[in-house]
C-alpha cells in the first residue's frame, strides 16, 4: 500500500494544523467574550506554573 502524500511536508503539515487549531480557538474565545480568568492562557498558566 502506498503511503498518503503530504500536502507540504512531513513536519510542516502537523505544524500548520496546530497553528490553525490554536489560532481558531483563540478567535473563538475572543468572539464569545469569556471571563478573563477562564481563558485558555490563564487556565494553562495556573495548571503548569504552580
PDB file of N, CA and C in Angstrom:
ATOM      1  N   UNK A   1       0.844  -1.172   0.000  1.00  0.00           N
ATOM      2  CA  UNK A   1       0.000   0.000   0.000  1.00  0.00           C
ATOM      3  C   UNK A   1       0.894   1.242   0.000  1.00  0.00           C
ATOM      4  N   UNK A   2       0.563   2.181  -0.825  1.00  0.00           N
ATOM      5  CA  UNK A   2       1.349   3.404  -0.955  1.00  0.00           C
ATOM      6  C   UNK A   2       0.990   4.384   0.170  1.00  0.00           C
ATOM      7  N   UNK A   3       1.983   4.984   0.839  1.00  0.00           N
ATOM      8  CA  UNK A   3       1.669   5.936   1.913  1.00  0.00           C
ATOM      9  C   UNK A   3       0.987   7.186   1.366  1.00  0.00           C
ATOM     10  N   UNK A   4       0.219   7.812   2.217  1.00  0.00           N
ATOM     11  CA  UNK A   4      -0.509   9.021   1.819  1.00  0.00           C
ATOM     12  C   UNK A   4       0.473  10.153   1.523  1.00  0.00           C
ATOM     13  N   UNK A   5       0.229  10.911   0.479  1.00  0.00           N
ATOM     14  CA  UNK A   5       1.130  12.028   0.158  1.00  0.00           C
ATOM     15  C   UNK A   5       0.931  13.181   1.140  1.00  0.00           C
ATOM     16  N   UNK A   6       1.978  13.921   1.335  1.00  0.00           N
ATOM     17  CA  UNK A   6       1.909  15.085   2.209  1.00  0.00           C
ATOM     18  C   UNK A   6       1.547  16.302   1.375  1.00  0.00           C
ATOM     19  N   UNK A   7       0.809  17.225   1.968  1.00  0.00           N
ATOM     20  CA  UNK A   7       0.465  18.445   1.245  1.00  0.00           C
ATOM     21  C   UNK A   7       1.682  19.343   1.099  1.00  0.00           C
ATOM     22  N   UNK A   8       2.375  19.568   2.211  1.00  0.00           N
ATOM     23  CA  UNK A   8       3.551  20.443   2.188  1.00  0.00           C
ATOM     24  C   UNK A   8       4.801  19.663   2.574  1.00  0.00           C
ATOM     25  N   UNK A   9       4.729  18.955   3.676  1.00  0.00           N
ATOM     26  CA  UNK A   9       5.870  18.176   4.131  1.00  0.00           C
ATOM     27  C   UNK A   9       5.494  17.378   5.361  1.00  0.00           C
ATOM     28  N   UNK A  10       6.341  16.432   5.706  1.00  0.00           N
ATOM     29  CA  UNK A  10       6.060  15.558   6.839  1.00  0.00           C
ATOM     30  C   UNK A  10       6.002  16.319   8.154  1.00  0.00           C
ATOM     31  N   UNK A  11       6.853  17.318   8.319  1.00  0.00           N
ATOM     32  CA  UNK A  11       6.889  18.100   9.551  1.00  0.00           C
ATOM     33  C   UNK A  11       5.963  19.308   9.455  1.00  0.00           C
ATOM     34  N   UNK A  12       5.869  19.902   8.277  1.00  0.00           N
ATOM     35  CA  UNK A  12       5.102  21.138   8.115  1.00  0.00           C
ATOM     36  C   UNK A  12       3.599  20.916   8.254  1.00  0.00           C
ATOM     37  N   UNK A  13       3.067  19.804   7.788  1.00  0.00           N
ATOM     38  CA  UNK A  13       1.624  19.569   7.853  1.00  0.00           C
ATOM     39  C   UNK A  13       1.093  19.571   9.293  1.00  0.00           C
ATOM     40  N   UNK A  14       1.674  18.804  10.224  1.00  0.00           N
ATOM     41  CA  UNK A  14       1.171  18.867  11.600  1.00  0.00           C
ATOM     42  C   UNK A  14       1.397  20.230  12.252  1.00  0.00           C
ATOM     43  N   UNK A  15       2.496  20.890  11.906  1.00  0.00           N
ATOM     44  CA  UNK A  15       2.773  22.210  12.470  1.00  0.00           C
ATOM     45  C   UNK A  15       1.719  23.215  12.028  1.00  0.00           C
ATOM     46  N   UNK A  16       1.393  23.201  10.762  1.00  0.00           N
ATOM     47  CA  UNK A  16       0.368  24.114  10.252  1.00  0.00           C
ATOM     48  C   UNK A  16      -0.990  23.787  10.866  1.00  0.00           C
ATOM     49  N   UNK A  17      -1.288  22.507  11.062  1.00  0.00           N
ATOM     50  CA  UNK A  17      -2.550  22.120  11.687  1.00  0.00           C
ATOM     51  C   UNK A  17      -2.638  22.649  13.117  1.00  0.00           C
ATOM     52  N   UNK A  18      -1.541  22.571  13.872  1.00  0.00           N
ATOM     53  CA  UNK A  18      -1.534  23.117  15.232  1.00  0.00           C
ATOM     54  C   UNK A  18      -1.728  24.624  15.228  1.00  0.00           C
ATOM     55  N   UNK A  19      -1.068  25.309  14.311  1.00  0.00           N
ATOM     56  CA  UNK A  19      -1.197  26.764  14.233  1.00  0.00           C
ATOM     57  C   UNK A  19      -2.638  27.152  13.924  1.00  0.00           C
ATOM     58  N   UNK A  20      -3.257  26.475  12.956  1.00  0.00           N
ATOM     59  CA  UNK A  20      -4.648  26.773  12.617  1.00  0.00           C
ATOM     60  C   UNK A  20      -5.585  26.464  13.780  1.00  0.00           C
ATOM     61  N   UNK A  21      -5.371  25.352  14.451  1.00  0.00           N
ATOM     62  CA  UNK A  21      -6.232  24.978  15.567  1.00  0.00           C
ATOM     63  C   UNK A  21      -6.140  25.941  16.731  1.00  0.00           C
ATOM     64  N   UNK A  22      -4.929  26.316  17.104  1.00  0.00           N
ATOM     65  CA  UNK A  22      -4.741  27.236  18.225  1.00  0.00           C
ATOM     66  C   UNK A  22      -5.277  28.614  17.887  1.00  0.00           C
ATOM     67  N   UNK A  23      -5.016  29.085  16.666  1.00  0.00           N
ATOM     68  CA  UNK A  23      -5.494  30.421  16.298  1.00  0.00           C
ATOM     69  C   UNK A  23      -7.014  30.453  16.181  1.00  0.00           C
ATOM     70  N   UNK A  24      -7.642  29.389  15.703  1.00  0.00           N
ATOM     71  CA  UNK A  24      -9.099  29.395  15.614  1.00  0.00           C
ATOM     72  C   UNK A  24      -9.733  29.330  16.999  1.00  0.00           C
ATOM     73  N   UNK A  25      -9.120  28.602  17.943  1.00  0.00           N
ATOM     74  CA  UNK A  25      -9.657  28.602  19.302  1.00  0.00           C
ATOM     75  C   UNK A  25      -9.483  29.967  19.955  1.00  0.00           C
ATOM     76  N   UNK A  26      -8.352  30.631  19.685  1.00  0.00           N
ATOM     77  CA  UNK A  26      -8.139  31.977  20.209  1.00  0.00           C
ATOM     78  C   UNK A  26      -9.217  32.923  19.684  1.00  0.00           C
ATOM     79  N   UNK A  27      -9.531  32.847  18.393  1.00  0.00           N
ATOM     80  CA  UNK A  27     -10.579  33.698  17.826  1.00  0.00           C
ATOM     81  C   UNK A  27     -11.942  33.363  18.422  1.00  0.00           C
ATOM     82  N   UNK A  28     -12.205  32.089  18.666  1.00  0.00           N
ATOM     83  CA  UNK A  28     -13.458  31.681  19.298  1.00  0.00           C
ATOM     84  C   UNK A  28     -13.577  32.284  20.696  1.00  0.00           C
ATOM     85  N   UNK A  29     -12.494  32.202  21.481  1.00  0.00           N
ATOM     86  CA  UNK A  29     -12.517  32.778  22.827  1.00  0.00           C
ATOM     87  C   UNK A  29     -12.741  34.281  22.780  1.00  0.00           C
ATOM     88  N   UNK A  30     -12.099  34.949  21.858  1.00  0.00           N
ATOM     89  CA  UNK A  30     -12.217  36.394  21.757  1.00  0.00           C
ATOM     90  C   UNK A  30     -13.630  36.806  21.341  1.00  0.00           C
ATOM     91  N   UNK A  31     -14.250  36.053  20.453  1.00  0.00           N
ATOM     92  CA  UNK A  31     -15.579  36.415  19.962  1.00  0.00           C
ATOM     93  C   UNK A  31     -16.693  36.075  20.937  1.00  0.00           C
ATOM     94  N   UNK A  32     -16.511  35.066  21.782  1.00  0.00           N
ATOM     95  CA  UNK A  32     -17.567  34.692  22.719  1.00  0.00           C
ATOM     96  C   UNK A  32     -17.529  35.507  23.995  1.00  0.00           C
ATOM     97  N   UNK A  33     -16.452  36.204  24.264  1.00  0.00           N
ATOM     98  CA  UNK A  33     -16.373  37.052  25.448  1.00  0.00           C
ATOM     99  C   UNK A  33     -16.305  36.275  26.744  1.00  0.00           C
ATOM    100  N   UNK A  34     -15.445  35.293  26.802  1.00  0.00           N
ATOM    101  CA  UNK A  34     -15.288  34.518  28.031  1.00  0.00           C
ATOM    102  C   UNK A  34     -14.692  35.393  29.129  1.00  0.00           C
ATOM    103  N   UNK A  35     -14.989  35.092  30.403  1.00  0.00           N
ATOM    104  CA  UNK A  35     -14.381  35.845  31.500  1.00  0.00           C
ATOM    105  C   UNK A  35     -12.859  35.701  31.484  1.00  0.00           C
ATOM    106  N   UNK A  36     -12.174  36.701  31.982  1.00  0.00           N
ATOM    107  CA  UNK A  36     -10.707  36.740  31.907  1.00  0.00           C
ATOM    108  C   UNK A  36     -10.052  35.552  32.608  1.00  0.00           C
ATOM    109  N   UNK A  37     -10.601  35.108  33.723  1.00  0.00           N
ATOM    110  CA  UNK A  37      -9.989  34.002  34.470  1.00  0.00           C
ATOM    111  C   UNK A  37     -10.212  32.642  33.822  1.00  0.00           C
ATOM    112  N   UNK A  38     -11.077  32.562  32.824  1.00  0.00           N
ATOM    113  CA  UNK A  38     -11.406  31.279  32.209  1.00  0.00           C
ATOM    114  C   UNK A  38     -10.923  31.164  30.772  1.00  0.00           C
ATOM    115  N   UNK A  39      -9.977  31.984  30.393  1.00  0.00           N
ATOM    116  CA  UNK A  39      -9.404  31.864  29.059  1.00  0.00           C
ATOM    117  C   UNK A  39      -8.311  30.801  29.083  1.00  0.00           C
ATOM    118  N   UNK A  40      -8.001  30.259  27.921  1.00  0.00           N
ATOM    119  CA  UNK A  40      -7.072  29.131  27.833  1.00  0.00           C
ATOM    120  C   UNK A  40      -5.693  29.469  28.384  1.00  0.00           C
ATOM    121  N   UNK A  41      -5.183  30.657  28.090  1.00  0.00           N
ATOM    122  CA  UNK A  41      -3.858  31.035  28.590  1.00  0.00           C
ATOM    123  C   UNK A  41      -3.812  31.028  30.110  1.00  0.00           C
ATOM    124  N   UNK A  42      -4.823  31.587  30.746  1.00  0.00           N
ATOM    125  CA  UNK A  42      -4.837  31.637  32.208  1.00  0.00           C
ATOM    126  C   UNK A  42      -4.990  30.250  32.819  1.00  0.00           C
ATOM    127  N   UNK A  43      -5.838  29.419  32.228  1.00  0.00           N
ATOM    128  CA  UNK A  43      -6.027  28.074  32.771  1.00  0.00           C
ATOM    129  C   UNK A  43      -4.760  27.230  32.643  1.00  0.00           C
ATOM    130  N   UNK A  44      -4.076  27.331  31.512  1.00  0.00           N
ATOM    131  CA  UNK A  44      -2.816  26.588  31.345  1.00  0.00           C
ATOM    132  C   UNK A  44      -1.734  27.114  32.274  1.00  0.00           C
ATOM    133  N   UNK A  45      -1.688  28.423  32.460  1.00  0.00           N
ATOM    134  CA  UNK A  45      -0.695  29.019  33.356  1.00  0.00           C
ATOM    135  C   UNK A  45      -0.916  28.539  34.786  1.00  0.00           C
ATOM    136  N   UNK A  46      -2.181  28.500  35.234  1.00  0.00           N
ATOM    137  CA  UNK A  46      -2.473  28.034  36.586  1.00  0.00           C
ATOM    138  C   UNK A  46      -2.120  26.557  36.760  1.00  0.00           C
ATOM    139  N   UNK A  47      -2.358  25.765  35.728  1.00  0.00           N
ATOM    140  CA  UNK A  47      -2.123  24.325  35.851  1.00  0.00           C
ATOM    141  C   UNK A  47      -0.646  23.971  35.857  1.00  0.00           C
ATOM    142  N   UNK A  48       0.150  24.593  34.988  1.00  0.00           N
ATOM    143  CA  UNK A  48       1.529  24.151  34.811  1.00  0.00           C
ATOM    144  C   UNK A  48       2.572  25.012  35.507  1.00  0.00           C
ATOM    145  N   UNK A  49       2.251  26.214  35.915  1.00  0.00           N
ATOM    146  CA  UNK A  49       3.259  27.068  36.544  1.00  0.00           C
ATOM    147  C   UNK A  49       3.125  27.127  38.060  1.00  0.00           C
ATOM    148  N   UNK A  50       2.183  26.413  38.630  1.00  0.00           N
ATOM    149  CA  UNK A  50       2.061  26.400  40.088  1.00  0.00           C
ATOM    150  C   UNK A  50       2.809  25.243  40.667  1.00  0.00           C
TER     151      UNK A  50
END
